Protein backbone atom coordinates (compact mmCIF):
# COMPACT_ATOMS: atom_id res chain seq x y z
CA MET A 1 109.57 50.33 25.32
CA THR A 2 110.53 50.27 29.15
CA PRO A 3 111.02 47.15 30.98
CA LEU A 4 107.81 47.61 33.08
CA ALA A 5 105.69 48.27 29.82
CA ALA A 6 107.27 45.23 28.28
CA ARG A 7 106.39 43.08 31.25
CA LEU A 8 102.78 44.38 31.31
CA ALA A 9 102.50 43.56 27.47
CA ALA A 10 103.51 40.08 28.20
CA LEU A 11 100.75 39.42 30.73
CA ALA A 12 97.48 37.76 29.83
CA PRO A 13 94.48 40.03 29.78
CA ARG A 14 92.98 38.36 32.80
CA GLU A 15 96.29 39.09 34.69
CA ARG A 16 96.31 42.66 33.50
CA ARG A 17 92.63 43.15 34.84
CA LEU A 18 93.75 41.52 38.27
CA LEU A 19 96.62 43.76 38.35
CA ALA A 20 94.56 46.88 37.61
CA ALA A 21 91.94 45.79 40.33
CA ALA A 22 94.70 45.38 42.88
CA GLY A 23 96.14 48.80 42.06
CA ALA A 24 92.59 50.29 42.40
CA VAL A 25 92.04 48.64 45.78
CA ALA A 26 95.47 49.83 46.99
CA ALA A 27 94.70 53.38 45.88
CA LEU A 28 91.29 53.17 47.67
CA VAL A 29 93.10 52.06 50.86
CA VAL A 30 95.64 54.78 50.78
CA VAL A 31 92.91 57.42 50.04
CA GLY A 32 90.80 55.87 53.00
CA ARG A 33 93.81 56.01 55.33
CA VAL A 34 94.54 59.62 54.42
CA ALA A 35 90.94 60.67 54.80
CA LEU A 36 90.92 58.91 58.38
CA ALA A 37 94.13 60.66 59.26
CA VAL A 38 92.65 64.13 58.22
CA HIS A 39 89.51 63.29 60.03
CA ASP A 40 91.36 62.29 63.24
CA ASP A 41 93.47 65.57 63.13
CA LEU A 42 90.41 67.76 62.58
CA ALA A 43 88.83 66.08 65.72
CA THR A 44 91.95 66.66 67.67
CA LEU A 45 92.14 70.31 66.70
CA ARG A 46 88.52 70.77 67.51
CA ALA A 47 89.04 69.30 70.98
CA ARG A 48 92.09 71.66 71.39
CA VAL A 49 90.04 74.72 70.40
CA ALA A 50 87.13 73.68 72.81
CA ALA A 51 89.75 73.27 75.56
CA HIS A 52 91.33 76.62 74.80
CA GLU A 53 87.75 78.18 74.76
CA ARG A 54 87.07 76.59 78.20
CA ASP A 55 90.34 77.91 79.58
CA LEU A 56 89.55 81.38 78.25
CA ALA A 57 86.09 81.32 79.92
CA ASP A 58 87.82 80.29 83.17
CA VAL A 59 90.13 83.13 82.89
CA ARG A 60 87.26 85.51 82.21
CA ARG A 61 85.41 84.25 85.27
CA ALA A 62 88.48 84.51 87.44
CA ALA A 63 89.07 88.09 86.21
CA ALA A 64 85.54 88.89 86.94
CA THR A 65 85.92 87.50 90.50
CA LEU A 66 89.06 89.50 90.91
CA ARG A 67 87.36 92.74 89.97
CA ARG A 68 84.49 92.04 92.28
CA SER A 69 86.68 91.13 95.27
CA ALA A 70 89.59 93.54 94.66
CA PRO A 71 90.42 95.54 97.71
CA PRO A 72 89.39 99.35 97.64
CA ALA A 73 92.07 101.42 95.96
CA ALA A 74 94.48 103.40 98.20
CA GLU A 75 94.59 107.05 98.37
CA GLU A 76 95.55 108.72 94.99
CA ASP A 77 98.53 110.66 96.46
CA GLY A 78 100.42 107.52 97.25
CA ALA A 79 100.84 108.57 100.85
CA GLY A 80 101.83 105.82 103.26
CA SER A 81 104.81 103.72 103.52
CA LEU A 82 105.57 100.89 101.26
CA LEU A 83 105.24 98.39 104.10
CA ALA A 84 101.91 99.69 105.04
CA ARG A 85 100.45 99.68 101.47
CA LEU A 86 101.86 96.21 100.88
CA GLU A 87 100.41 94.93 104.24
CA SER A 88 97.00 96.39 103.18
CA ALA A 89 97.07 94.74 99.81
CA ALA A 90 98.11 91.48 101.20
CA ASP A 91 95.72 91.40 104.08
CA GLY A 92 92.80 91.92 101.49
CA ALA A 93 94.15 89.43 98.91
CA VAL A 94 95.32 86.45 100.86
CA GLY A 95 94.33 87.08 104.60
CA ARG A 96 96.50 87.75 107.58
CA GLU A 97 96.72 84.15 108.42
CA ARG A 98 98.71 83.25 105.26
CA ILE A 99 101.25 86.06 105.66
CA ALA A 100 104.40 84.44 107.20
CA SER A 101 106.71 87.51 107.19
CA MET A 102 107.32 91.06 105.88
CA THR A 103 110.91 92.13 105.89
CA PRO A 104 111.62 95.65 104.74
CA SER A 105 115.13 96.62 103.62
CA ALA A 106 116.78 99.71 101.96
CA GLY A 107 118.45 99.55 98.62
CA PRO A 108 121.60 101.58 97.59
CA VAL A 109 121.30 105.23 97.21
CA GLU A 110 122.45 106.47 93.74
CA ASP A 111 122.21 109.78 91.95
CA GLY A 112 119.96 111.18 94.79
CA VAL A 113 117.42 108.27 94.52
CA ALA A 114 116.97 105.79 97.26
CA GLU A 115 115.12 102.46 96.98
CA ASP A 116 112.84 100.93 99.62
CA ARG A 117 112.20 97.05 99.35
CA VAL A 118 110.00 94.80 101.33
CA ALA A 119 109.94 90.98 100.98
CA LEU A 120 106.58 89.49 101.74
CA ALA A 121 106.48 85.70 102.51
CA VAL A 122 103.12 83.92 101.99
CA ARG A 123 102.63 80.31 103.02
CA GLY A 124 100.07 77.82 101.93
CA ALA A 125 98.21 80.06 99.54
CA SER A 126 96.32 78.87 96.64
CA LEU A 127 97.09 79.88 92.97
CA VAL A 128 93.92 81.96 92.93
CA GLU A 129 94.94 83.76 96.20
CA THR A 130 98.53 84.28 94.79
CA VAL A 131 97.17 85.72 91.51
CA ARG A 132 94.71 87.91 93.59
CA LEU A 133 97.58 89.30 95.55
CA LEU A 134 99.53 90.07 92.39
CA HIS A 135 96.44 91.68 90.99
CA ALA A 136 95.94 93.77 94.15
CA LEU A 137 99.61 94.97 93.90
CA GLU A 138 99.13 95.82 90.13
CA THR A 139 95.88 97.74 90.64
CA ALA A 140 96.97 99.68 93.88
CA SER A 141 97.11 103.32 93.48
CA PRO A 142 99.94 104.11 92.79
CA PRO A 143 100.80 100.47 91.70
CA ILE A 144 103.37 98.63 93.92
CA ARG A 145 106.13 97.31 91.64
CA VAL A 146 106.97 93.69 92.13
CA ALA A 147 110.85 93.39 91.75
CA ARG A 148 111.03 89.55 92.32
CA LEU A 149 108.50 86.71 92.63
CA GLU A 150 109.42 83.14 93.80
CA LEU A 151 106.74 80.49 93.78
CA ARG A 152 107.27 77.10 95.34
CA LYS A 153 104.69 74.17 95.42
CA HIS A 154 103.76 73.34 99.02
CA PRO A 155 105.37 70.04 99.98
CA ASP A 156 102.16 68.64 101.57
CA GLU A 157 99.48 69.91 99.17
CA ALA A 158 99.94 70.17 95.48
CA GLU A 159 97.40 72.80 95.10
CA ARG A 160 98.94 75.27 97.73
CA PHE A 161 102.08 77.44 97.24
CA ASP A 162 104.66 79.30 99.29
CA ALA A 163 105.34 82.53 97.59
CA THR A 164 107.94 85.22 98.25
CA VAL A 165 107.03 88.60 96.70
CA GLU A 166 109.60 91.25 96.75
CA VAL A 167 108.37 94.89 95.99
CA ALA A 168 110.27 97.94 95.51
CA GLN A 169 109.80 101.68 95.47
CA THR A 170 112.05 104.47 94.64
CA ARG A 171 112.09 107.89 96.47
CA PRO A 172 114.27 110.92 96.72
CA ALA A 173 117.28 110.35 98.80
CA PRO A 174 117.24 112.34 102.13
């Protein structure tokens, strides 16, 4: 006989009943706490799923707005300089007043291929306007390749951003 069984056998019947009742109450408390924890976790998960569904609906609305307000596509043959195409896309997406600068540069010539780059600085644009600009660059015909994107919060307004978008295009070297 184990020491615990020996101790239980030495108890009076009333003490054994009280000990069994205390064990049952403790088990009920543990089961209740586990059930409450599971219920709270499920409620938290439901709230997260609802938040994700709201975010997805917001993204779908923004995508629909972008599709409706997208600037008309450029000519299919891709004629026009990179600077002109970028200016057209940026003017339609963020407006001329937000464009701070456009700086063209030429990349290195290697293996008979030259690279043209233009750095576009946009000041005080909202996140929606910045995404609209990136979408306009992506949907241009042919698409304008973004080589670098730098996004900084505007120091005075948290919902405004200063963005620098550098685009690149390769062409045959002259």
